[in-house]
Amino acid sequence: MSDYDHEFEAPLVQHDFGRVCYAVVFVPPEIITCLQFGRSKRLRIDGEVNGVRIEAALIPSKGQWYVMVSKRLQKTCGIRVGDSVTVSFDIADPNAVNIPPELQFALDANDEARMEWEQLSAGKKRSHCYWVDSAKMPETRERRVNETIDRIITPPEG
């Protein structure tokens, strides 16, 4: 029994999105019909894939919804395309953003960057956070934090 509201088992499949392929798990229609969609047909979720914690999105594609499974998550779970996986999830707050500690520290230290950060959409914030958080080496994370702060306070030319 899961601690999450929704749970299903399905195969991890390679899905062709034109020029690129991703490993995804399609959500069964009986789960989709239970969900409350707002204006957007995407929903943020918090949950697990085979017991490994995830923060992701349910993404629509031609009348179906899927969850992307990164190579890092596949490695952590010990799964590969063709394996059956268990996905458990709750609907997440669409505005929630988990800021990496290094980026939060930099924002707290820079009033201009913090004010600009507050003007960004949750999706833009998550994008910046993912870019910082995906770096493995502390030096790379720190460089990405500095570049993120620069991007936030420097308007694009154009």
N, C-alpha and C. Protein backbone atom coordinates (compact mmCIF):
# COMPACT_ATOMS: atom_id res chain seq x y z
N MET A 1 0.84 -1.20 0.00
CA MET A 1 0.00 0.00 0.00
C MET A 1 0.88 1.25 0.00
N SER A 2 0.59 2.15 -0.85
CA SER A 2 1.37 3.36 -1.04
C SER A 2 0.87 4.49 -0.14
N ASP A 3 1.77 5.39 0.20
CA ASP A 3 1.40 6.60 0.93
C ASP A 3 0.86 7.67 -0.02
N TYR A 4 0.89 7.39 -1.30
CA TYR A 4 0.46 8.35 -2.32
C TYR A 4 -0.97 8.06 -2.77
N ASP A 5 -1.64 9.09 -3.29
CA ASP A 5 -3.02 8.94 -3.74
C ASP A 5 -3.16 8.07 -4.99
N HIS A 6 -2.13 8.06 -5.83
CA HIS A 6 -2.22 7.36 -7.11
C HIS A 6 -1.01 6.43 -7.26
N GLU A 7 -1.28 5.23 -7.77
CA GLU A 7 -0.20 4.28 -7.99
C GLU A 7 -0.56 3.37 -9.16
N PHE A 8 0.44 3.06 -9.98
CA PHE A 8 0.22 2.15 -11.09
C PHE A 8 1.54 1.48 -11.47
N GLU A 9 1.40 0.42 -12.22
CA GLU A 9 2.56 -0.29 -12.74
C GLU A 9 2.44 -0.28 -14.25
N ALA A 10 3.56 0.02 -14.93
CA ALA A 10 3.55 0.09 -16.40
C ALA A 10 4.99 -0.09 -16.89
N PRO A 11 5.13 -0.41 -18.16
CA PRO A 11 6.48 -0.57 -18.71
C PRO A 11 7.16 0.77 -18.96
N LEU A 12 8.47 0.79 -18.80
CA LEU A 12 9.29 1.93 -19.20
C LEU A 12 9.53 1.75 -20.70
N VAL A 13 9.12 2.73 -21.50
CA VAL A 13 9.22 2.60 -22.95
C VAL A 13 10.04 3.75 -23.52
N GLN A 14 10.62 3.49 -24.68
CA GLN A 14 11.32 4.53 -25.43
C GLN A 14 10.27 5.19 -26.31
N HIS A 15 10.10 6.51 -26.17
CA HIS A 15 9.08 7.21 -26.95
C HIS A 15 9.76 8.20 -27.87
N ASP A 16 9.41 8.15 -29.13
CA ASP A 16 9.99 9.01 -30.16
C ASP A 16 9.23 10.32 -30.22
N PHE A 17 9.94 11.42 -29.99
CA PHE A 17 9.35 12.75 -30.07
C PHE A 17 9.93 13.51 -31.25
N GLY A 18 9.92 12.90 -32.41
CA GLY A 18 10.49 13.55 -33.58
C GLY A 18 11.97 13.26 -33.66
N ARG A 19 12.78 14.26 -33.36
CA ARG A 19 14.24 14.12 -33.47
C ARG A 19 14.89 13.47 -32.25
N VAL A 20 14.16 13.39 -31.15
CA VAL A 20 14.74 12.82 -29.93
C VAL A 20 13.84 11.74 -29.35
N CYS A 21 14.43 10.84 -28.60
CA CYS A 21 13.69 9.79 -27.91
C CYS A 21 13.94 9.92 -26.42
N TYR A 22 12.90 9.67 -25.64
CA TYR A 22 13.01 9.71 -24.19
C TYR A 22 12.43 8.42 -23.61
N ALA A 23 12.93 8.05 -22.45
CA ALA A 23 12.33 6.94 -21.71
C ALA A 23 11.18 7.52 -20.90
N VAL A 24 10.00 6.93 -21.07
CA VAL A 24 8.81 7.43 -20.40
C VAL A 24 7.97 6.28 -19.88
N VAL A 25 7.09 6.61 -18.94
CA VAL A 25 6.07 5.68 -18.46
C VAL A 25 4.74 6.36 -18.73
N PHE A 26 3.88 5.69 -19.50
CA PHE A 26 2.56 6.23 -19.78
C PHE A 26 1.63 5.93 -18.61
N VAL A 27 0.85 6.94 -18.23
CA VAL A 27 -0.09 6.82 -17.13
C VAL A 27 -1.38 6.19 -17.66
N PRO A 28 -1.88 5.16 -16.98
CA PRO A 28 -3.11 4.52 -17.45
C PRO A 28 -4.29 5.50 -17.48
N PRO A 29 -5.17 5.34 -18.48
CA PRO A 29 -6.32 6.25 -18.61
C PRO A 29 -7.20 6.30 -17.36
N GLU A 30 -7.34 5.18 -16.64
CA GLU A 30 -8.21 5.19 -15.46
C GLU A 30 -7.66 6.09 -14.35
N ILE A 31 -6.37 6.34 -14.35
CA ILE A 31 -5.81 7.29 -13.38
C ILE A 31 -6.01 8.71 -13.88
N ILE A 32 -5.79 8.94 -15.16
CA ILE A 32 -5.95 10.27 -15.73
C ILE A 32 -7.38 10.78 -15.53
N THR A 33 -8.36 9.92 -15.69
CA THR A 33 -9.76 10.35 -15.53
C THR A 33 -10.10 10.77 -14.10
N CYS A 34 -9.28 10.36 -13.13
CA CYS A 34 -9.51 10.73 -11.72
C CYS A 34 -8.87 12.07 -11.36
N LEU A 35 -8.05 12.63 -12.24
CA LEU A 35 -7.29 13.84 -11.92
C LEU A 35 -8.04 15.09 -12.31
N GLN A 36 -7.81 16.15 -11.56
CA GLN A 36 -8.42 17.44 -11.83
C GLN A 36 -7.41 18.34 -12.54
N PHE A 37 -7.64 18.57 -13.83
CA PHE A 37 -6.78 19.46 -14.60
C PHE A 37 -7.37 20.85 -14.59
N GLY A 38 -6.51 21.83 -14.48
CA GLY A 38 -6.96 23.22 -14.56
C GLY A 38 -6.85 23.69 -16.00
N ARG A 39 -6.40 24.91 -16.17
CA ARG A 39 -6.22 25.44 -17.53
C ARG A 39 -5.15 24.68 -18.28
N SER A 40 -4.11 24.29 -17.57
CA SER A 40 -3.01 23.55 -18.20
C SER A 40 -3.33 22.06 -18.20
N LYS A 41 -2.90 21.39 -19.22
CA LYS A 41 -3.07 19.93 -19.28
C LYS A 41 -1.88 19.21 -18.66
N ARG A 42 -0.93 19.98 -18.11
CA ARG A 42 0.20 19.39 -17.38
C ARG A 42 -0.08 19.51 -15.90
N LEU A 43 0.38 18.51 -15.16
CA LEU A 43 0.27 18.56 -13.71
C LEU A 43 1.63 18.23 -13.11
N ARG A 44 2.02 18.99 -12.12
CA ARG A 44 3.23 18.68 -11.36
C ARG A 44 2.90 17.56 -10.39
N ILE A 45 3.86 16.64 -10.21
CA ILE A 45 3.64 15.55 -9.27
C ILE A 45 4.84 15.38 -8.35
N ASP A 46 4.59 14.88 -7.17
CA ASP A 46 5.60 14.43 -6.22
C ASP A 46 5.32 12.95 -6.00
N GLY A 47 6.35 12.15 -6.03
CA GLY A 47 6.10 10.73 -5.85
C GLY A 47 7.35 9.89 -5.88
N GLU A 48 7.19 8.68 -6.41
CA GLU A 48 8.29 7.72 -6.45
C GLU A 48 8.19 6.88 -7.72
N VAL A 49 9.34 6.49 -8.22
CA VAL A 49 9.44 5.46 -9.26
C VAL A 49 10.23 4.33 -8.62
N ASN A 50 9.61 3.17 -8.49
CA ASN A 50 10.23 2.02 -7.82
C ASN A 50 10.84 2.40 -6.48
N GLY A 51 10.14 3.25 -5.74
CA GLY A 51 10.58 3.63 -4.40
C GLY A 51 11.58 4.77 -4.35
N VAL A 52 12.01 5.29 -5.51
CA VAL A 52 12.96 6.41 -5.55
C VAL A 52 12.17 7.70 -5.75
N ARG A 53 12.42 8.66 -4.88
CA ARG A 53 11.69 9.93 -4.86
C ARG A 53 11.85 10.70 -6.16
N ILE A 54 10.74 11.27 -6.66
CA ILE A 54 10.77 12.10 -7.86
C ILE A 54 9.94 13.35 -7.67
N GLU A 55 10.28 14.38 -8.40
CA GLU A 55 9.45 15.55 -8.64
C GLU A 55 9.40 15.65 -10.15
N ALA A 56 8.23 15.61 -10.72
CA ALA A 56 8.12 15.54 -12.18
C ALA A 56 6.83 16.19 -12.63
N ALA A 57 6.50 15.93 -13.89
CA ALA A 57 5.26 16.43 -14.46
C ALA A 57 4.57 15.31 -15.23
N LEU A 58 3.26 15.35 -15.21
CA LEU A 58 2.48 14.52 -16.12
C LEU A 58 2.34 15.35 -17.39
N ILE A 59 2.84 14.82 -18.49
CA ILE A 59 2.92 15.58 -19.73
C ILE A 59 1.99 14.95 -20.76
N PRO A 60 1.14 15.78 -21.39
CA PRO A 60 0.22 15.23 -22.39
C PRO A 60 0.89 15.00 -23.73
N SER A 61 0.41 13.96 -24.44
CA SER A 61 0.89 13.68 -25.79
C SER A 61 -0.18 12.87 -26.52
N LYS A 62 -0.87 13.52 -27.43
CA LYS A 62 -1.86 12.85 -28.27
C LYS A 62 -2.88 12.04 -27.47
N GLY A 63 -3.48 12.68 -26.47
CA GLY A 63 -4.53 12.03 -25.69
C GLY A 63 -4.06 11.11 -24.59
N GLN A 64 -2.75 11.00 -24.40
CA GLN A 64 -2.18 10.22 -23.31
C GLN A 64 -1.30 11.14 -22.47
N TRP A 65 -0.96 10.70 -21.26
CA TRP A 65 -0.05 11.43 -20.40
C TRP A 65 1.09 10.50 -20.01
N TYR A 66 2.26 11.09 -19.83
CA TYR A 66 3.42 10.28 -19.47
C TYR A 66 4.27 11.01 -18.44
N VAL A 67 5.16 10.23 -17.81
CA VAL A 67 6.18 10.75 -16.89
C VAL A 67 7.52 10.42 -17.52
N MET A 68 8.39 11.42 -17.67
CA MET A 68 9.72 11.17 -18.20
C MET A 68 10.59 10.54 -17.12
N VAL A 69 11.45 9.60 -17.52
CA VAL A 69 12.36 8.93 -16.60
C VAL A 69 13.78 9.15 -17.12
N SER A 70 14.52 10.01 -16.43
CA SER A 70 15.87 10.37 -16.88
C SER A 70 16.82 9.19 -16.78
N LYS A 71 17.93 9.30 -17.47
CA LYS A 71 18.95 8.24 -17.41
C LYS A 71 19.48 8.10 -15.98
N ARG A 72 19.61 9.22 -15.29
CA ARG A 72 20.08 9.18 -13.90
C ARG A 72 19.09 8.41 -13.03
N LEU A 73 17.80 8.68 -13.20
CA LEU A 73 16.78 7.96 -12.43
C LEU A 73 16.75 6.48 -12.80
N GLN A 74 16.90 6.18 -14.08
CA GLN A 74 16.95 4.77 -14.50
C GLN A 74 18.11 4.05 -13.80
N LYS A 75 19.26 4.71 -13.76
CA LYS A 75 20.43 4.11 -13.12
C LYS A 75 20.19 3.92 -11.62
N THR A 76 19.63 4.95 -10.97
CA THR A 76 19.36 4.88 -9.53
C THR A 76 18.38 3.76 -9.21
N CYS A 77 17.35 3.60 -10.06
CA CYS A 77 16.33 2.57 -9.85
C CYS A 77 16.78 1.19 -10.32
N GLY A 78 17.85 1.14 -11.12
CA GLY A 78 18.28 -0.13 -11.68
C GLY A 78 17.31 -0.66 -12.72
N ILE A 79 16.77 0.26 -13.52
CA ILE A 79 15.80 -0.12 -14.54
C ILE A 79 16.30 0.29 -15.91
N ARG A 80 15.70 -0.34 -16.92
CA ARG A 80 15.98 0.06 -18.30
C ARG A 80 14.71 -0.10 -19.13
N VAL A 81 14.74 0.44 -20.33
CA VAL A 81 13.59 0.37 -21.21
C VAL A 81 13.15 -1.09 -21.35
N GLY A 82 11.85 -1.29 -21.21
CA GLY A 82 11.27 -2.63 -21.27
C GLY A 82 10.91 -3.18 -19.91
N ASP A 83 11.55 -2.66 -18.85
CA ASP A 83 11.23 -3.10 -17.49
C ASP A 83 9.90 -2.52 -17.03
N SER A 84 9.22 -3.26 -16.19
CA SER A 84 8.00 -2.78 -15.57
C SER A 84 8.39 -1.96 -14.34
N VAL A 85 7.76 -0.80 -14.17
CA VAL A 85 8.06 0.06 -13.03
C VAL A 85 6.77 0.40 -12.28
N THR A 86 6.93 0.70 -11.00
CA THR A 86 5.81 1.16 -10.19
C THR A 86 5.97 2.65 -9.98
N VAL A 87 4.92 3.40 -10.32
CA VAL A 87 4.91 4.84 -10.13
C VAL A 87 3.82 5.17 -9.13
N SER A 88 4.20 5.90 -8.08
CA SER A 88 3.25 6.36 -7.06
C SER A 88 3.38 7.87 -7.00
N PHE A 89 2.25 8.59 -6.88
CA PHE A 89 2.36 10.04 -6.86
C PHE A 89 1.14 10.71 -6.24
N ASP A 90 1.37 11.95 -5.84
CA ASP A 90 0.34 12.90 -5.44
C ASP A 90 0.49 14.10 -6.36
N ILE A 91 -0.58 14.85 -6.54
CA ILE A 91 -0.50 16.09 -7.29
C ILE A 91 0.24 17.11 -6.42
N ALA A 92 1.21 17.79 -7.03
CA ALA A 92 2.05 18.75 -6.29
C ALA A 92 1.52 20.17 -6.48
N ASP A 93 1.96 21.03 -5.61
CA ASP A 93 1.67 22.46 -5.73
C ASP A 93 2.35 22.95 -7.01
N PRO A 94 1.61 23.50 -7.96
CA PRO A 94 2.20 23.91 -9.23
C PRO A 94 3.19 25.07 -9.10
N ASN A 95 3.14 25.78 -7.98
CA ASN A 95 4.04 26.91 -7.79
C ASN A 95 5.23 26.59 -6.88
N ALA A 96 5.32 25.36 -6.41
CA ALA A 96 6.42 25.00 -5.52
C ALA A 96 7.73 24.89 -6.30
N VAL A 97 8.79 25.39 -5.70
CA VAL A 97 10.12 25.34 -6.29
C VAL A 97 11.11 24.99 -5.18
N ASN A 98 11.86 23.92 -5.38
CA ASN A 98 12.91 23.55 -4.43
C ASN A 98 14.23 24.16 -4.90
N ILE A 99 14.66 25.17 -4.18
CA ILE A 99 15.86 25.91 -4.58
C ILE A 99 17.09 25.25 -3.96
N PRO A 100 18.11 24.94 -4.78
CA PRO A 100 19.35 24.38 -4.22
C PRO A 100 19.95 25.36 -3.21
N PRO A 101 20.54 24.84 -2.13
CA PRO A 101 21.07 25.71 -1.07
C PRO A 101 22.04 26.78 -1.58
N GLU A 102 22.90 26.41 -2.52
CA GLU A 102 23.88 27.38 -3.04
C GLU A 102 23.18 28.55 -3.73
N LEU A 103 22.14 28.23 -4.48
CA LEU A 103 21.42 29.29 -5.19
C LEU A 103 20.64 30.14 -4.20
N GLN A 104 20.02 29.51 -3.20
CA GLN A 104 19.28 30.27 -2.19
C GLN A 104 20.21 31.24 -1.46
N PHE A 105 21.41 30.78 -1.11
CA PHE A 105 22.39 31.63 -0.44
C PHE A 105 22.74 32.82 -1.31
N ALA A 106 22.97 32.58 -2.61
CA ALA A 106 23.34 33.67 -3.53
C ALA A 106 22.19 34.66 -3.69
N LEU A 107 20.96 34.16 -3.74
CA LEU A 107 19.80 35.05 -3.85
C LEU A 107 19.63 35.89 -2.58
N ASP A 108 19.86 35.27 -1.43
CA ASP A 108 19.75 36.00 -0.16
C ASP A 108 20.81 37.10 -0.04
N ALA A 109 21.94 36.89 -0.71
CA ALA A 109 23.04 37.85 -0.62
C ALA A 109 22.96 38.96 -1.67
N ASN A 110 22.00 38.86 -2.59
CA ASN A 110 21.94 39.82 -3.69
C ASN A 110 20.50 40.32 -3.84
N ASP A 111 20.25 41.52 -3.33
CA ASP A 111 18.89 42.07 -3.34
C ASP A 111 18.31 42.19 -4.75
N GLU A 112 19.13 42.65 -5.70
CA GLU A 112 18.65 42.82 -7.07
C GLU A 112 18.24 41.47 -7.67
N ALA A 113 19.09 40.47 -7.48
CA ALA A 113 18.80 39.13 -8.02
C ALA A 113 17.55 38.56 -7.36
N ARG A 114 17.42 38.75 -6.06
CA ARG A 114 16.25 38.22 -5.35
C ARG A 114 14.96 38.87 -5.86
N MET A 115 14.99 40.19 -6.09
CA MET A 115 13.79 40.87 -6.60
C MET A 115 13.44 40.37 -8.01
N GLU A 116 14.44 40.19 -8.86
CA GLU A 116 14.20 39.67 -10.21
C GLU A 116 13.69 38.22 -10.15
N TRP A 117 14.26 37.43 -9.23
CA TRP A 117 13.86 36.04 -9.06
C TRP A 117 12.37 35.96 -8.73
N GLU A 118 11.91 36.83 -7.87
CA GLU A 118 10.50 36.82 -7.45
C GLU A 118 9.56 37.10 -8.61
N GLN A 119 10.05 37.75 -9.67
CA GLN A 119 9.23 38.07 -10.84
C GLN A 119 9.12 36.90 -11.82
N LEU A 120 9.99 35.89 -11.67
CA LEU A 120 10.00 34.76 -12.60
C LEU A 120 8.83 33.81 -12.32
N SER A 121 8.39 33.13 -13.36
CA SER A 121 7.36 32.11 -13.19
C SER A 121 7.97 30.91 -12.46
N ALA A 122 7.11 30.08 -11.90
CA ALA A 122 7.59 28.88 -11.20
C ALA A 122 8.36 27.98 -12.17
N GLY A 123 7.90 27.88 -13.41
CA GLY A 123 8.60 27.06 -14.39
C GLY A 123 10.00 27.56 -14.69
N LYS A 124 10.16 28.87 -14.84
CA LYS A 124 11.50 29.45 -15.09
C LYS A 124 12.40 29.22 -13.88
N LYS A 125 11.84 29.39 -12.68
CA LYS A 125 12.63 29.14 -11.47
C LYS A 125 13.09 27.68 -11.42
N ARG A 126 12.16 26.75 -11.70
CA ARG A 126 12.53 25.33 -11.68
C ARG A 126 13.61 25.03 -12.71
N SER A 127 13.55 25.68 -13.86
CA SER A 127 14.56 25.48 -14.90
C SER A 127 15.93 25.89 -14.39
N HIS A 128 16.02 27.05 -13.78
CA HIS A 128 17.29 27.52 -13.21
C HIS A 128 17.77 26.56 -12.12
N CYS A 129 16.85 26.15 -11.25
CA CYS A 129 17.20 25.24 -10.15
C CYS A 129 17.70 23.90 -10.67
N TYR A 130 17.03 23.38 -11.68
CA TYR A 130 17.44 22.09 -12.25
C TYR A 130 18.85 22.20 -12.82
N TRP A 131 19.13 23.29 -13.51
CA TRP A 131 20.44 23.46 -14.13
C TRP A 131 21.54 23.48 -13.06
N VAL A 132 21.31 24.18 -11.97
CA VAL A 132 22.28 24.21 -10.88
C VAL A 132 22.37 22.83 -10.22
N ASP A 133 21.22 22.26 -9.92
CA ASP A 133 21.17 21.01 -9.16
C ASP A 133 21.69 19.80 -9.94
N SER A 134 21.69 19.88 -11.26
CA SER A 134 22.14 18.74 -12.06
C SER A 134 23.66 18.63 -12.13
N ALA A 135 24.36 19.65 -11.69
CA ALA A 135 25.83 19.60 -11.67
C ALA A 135 26.29 18.71 -10.51
N LYS A 136 27.29 17.90 -10.77
CA LYS A 136 27.78 16.97 -9.76
C LYS A 136 28.91 17.57 -8.91
N MET A 137 29.80 18.30 -9.55
CA MET A 137 30.97 18.83 -8.85
C MET A 137 30.63 20.17 -8.18
N PRO A 138 31.12 20.39 -6.96
CA PRO A 138 30.84 21.66 -6.28
C PRO A 138 31.28 22.88 -7.08
N GLU A 139 32.40 22.76 -7.79
CA GLU A 139 32.89 23.89 -8.58
C GLU A 139 31.91 24.23 -9.72
N THR A 140 31.37 23.19 -10.33
CA THR A 140 30.41 23.39 -11.42
C THR A 140 29.12 23.99 -10.88
N ARG A 141 28.67 23.51 -9.74
CA ARG A 141 27.46 24.06 -9.12
C ARG A 141 27.65 25.55 -8.82
N GLU A 142 28.80 25.90 -8.26
CA GLU A 142 29.08 27.29 -7.91
C GLU A 142 29.13 28.17 -9.17
N ARG A 143 29.77 27.66 -10.23
CA ARG A 143 29.83 28.40 -11.49
C ARG A 143 28.42 28.61 -12.04
N ARG A 144 27.60 27.57 -11.98
CA ARG A 144 26.23 27.68 -12.48
C ARG A 144 25.39 28.64 -11.64
N VAL A 145 25.62 28.67 -10.35
CA VAL A 145 24.91 29.63 -9.50
C VAL A 145 25.27 31.05 -9.95
N ASN A 146 26.57 31.31 -10.14
CA ASN A 146 27.00 32.65 -10.57
C ASN A 146 26.42 33.02 -11.93
N GLU A 147 26.40 32.07 -12.85
CA GLU A 147 25.83 32.33 -14.17
C GLU A 147 24.32 32.55 -14.08
N THR A 148 23.66 31.83 -13.20
CA THR A 148 22.22 32.02 -13.02
C THR A 148 21.93 33.41 -12.48
N ILE A 149 22.69 33.84 -11.49
CA ILE A 149 22.50 35.19 -10.93
C ILE A 149 22.72 36.22 -12.02
N ASP A 150 23.76 36.05 -12.84
CA ASP A 150 24.02 36.99 -13.94
C ASP A 150 22.86 37.01 -14.92
N ARG A 151 22.32 35.85 -15.26
CA ARG A 151 21.19 35.78 -16.21
C ARG A 151 19.95 36.49 -15.66
N ILE A 152 19.76 36.33 -14.36
CA ILE A 152 18.56 36.91 -13.74
C ILE A 152 18.64 38.43 -13.72
N ILE A 153 19.80 39.00 -13.43
CA ILE A 153 19.90 40.46 -13.30
C ILE A 153 20.27 41.17 -14.59
N THR A 154 20.69 40.42 -15.61
CA THR A 154 21.06 41.03 -16.88
C THR A 154 19.96 40.78 -17.90
N PRO A 155 19.27 41.82 -18.32
CA PRO A 155 18.20 41.61 -19.30
C PRO A 155 18.79 41.12 -20.63
N PRO A 156 18.04 40.27 -21.34
CA PRO A 156 18.53 39.78 -22.63
C PRO A 156 18.63 40.93 -23.63
N GLU A 157 19.65 40.86 -24.47
CA GLU A 157 19.82 41.87 -25.51
C GLU A 157 18.86 41.56 -26.65
N GLY A 158 18.41 42.59 -27.29
CA GLY A 158 17.60 42.24 -28.41
C GLY A 158 16.71 43.26 -28.89
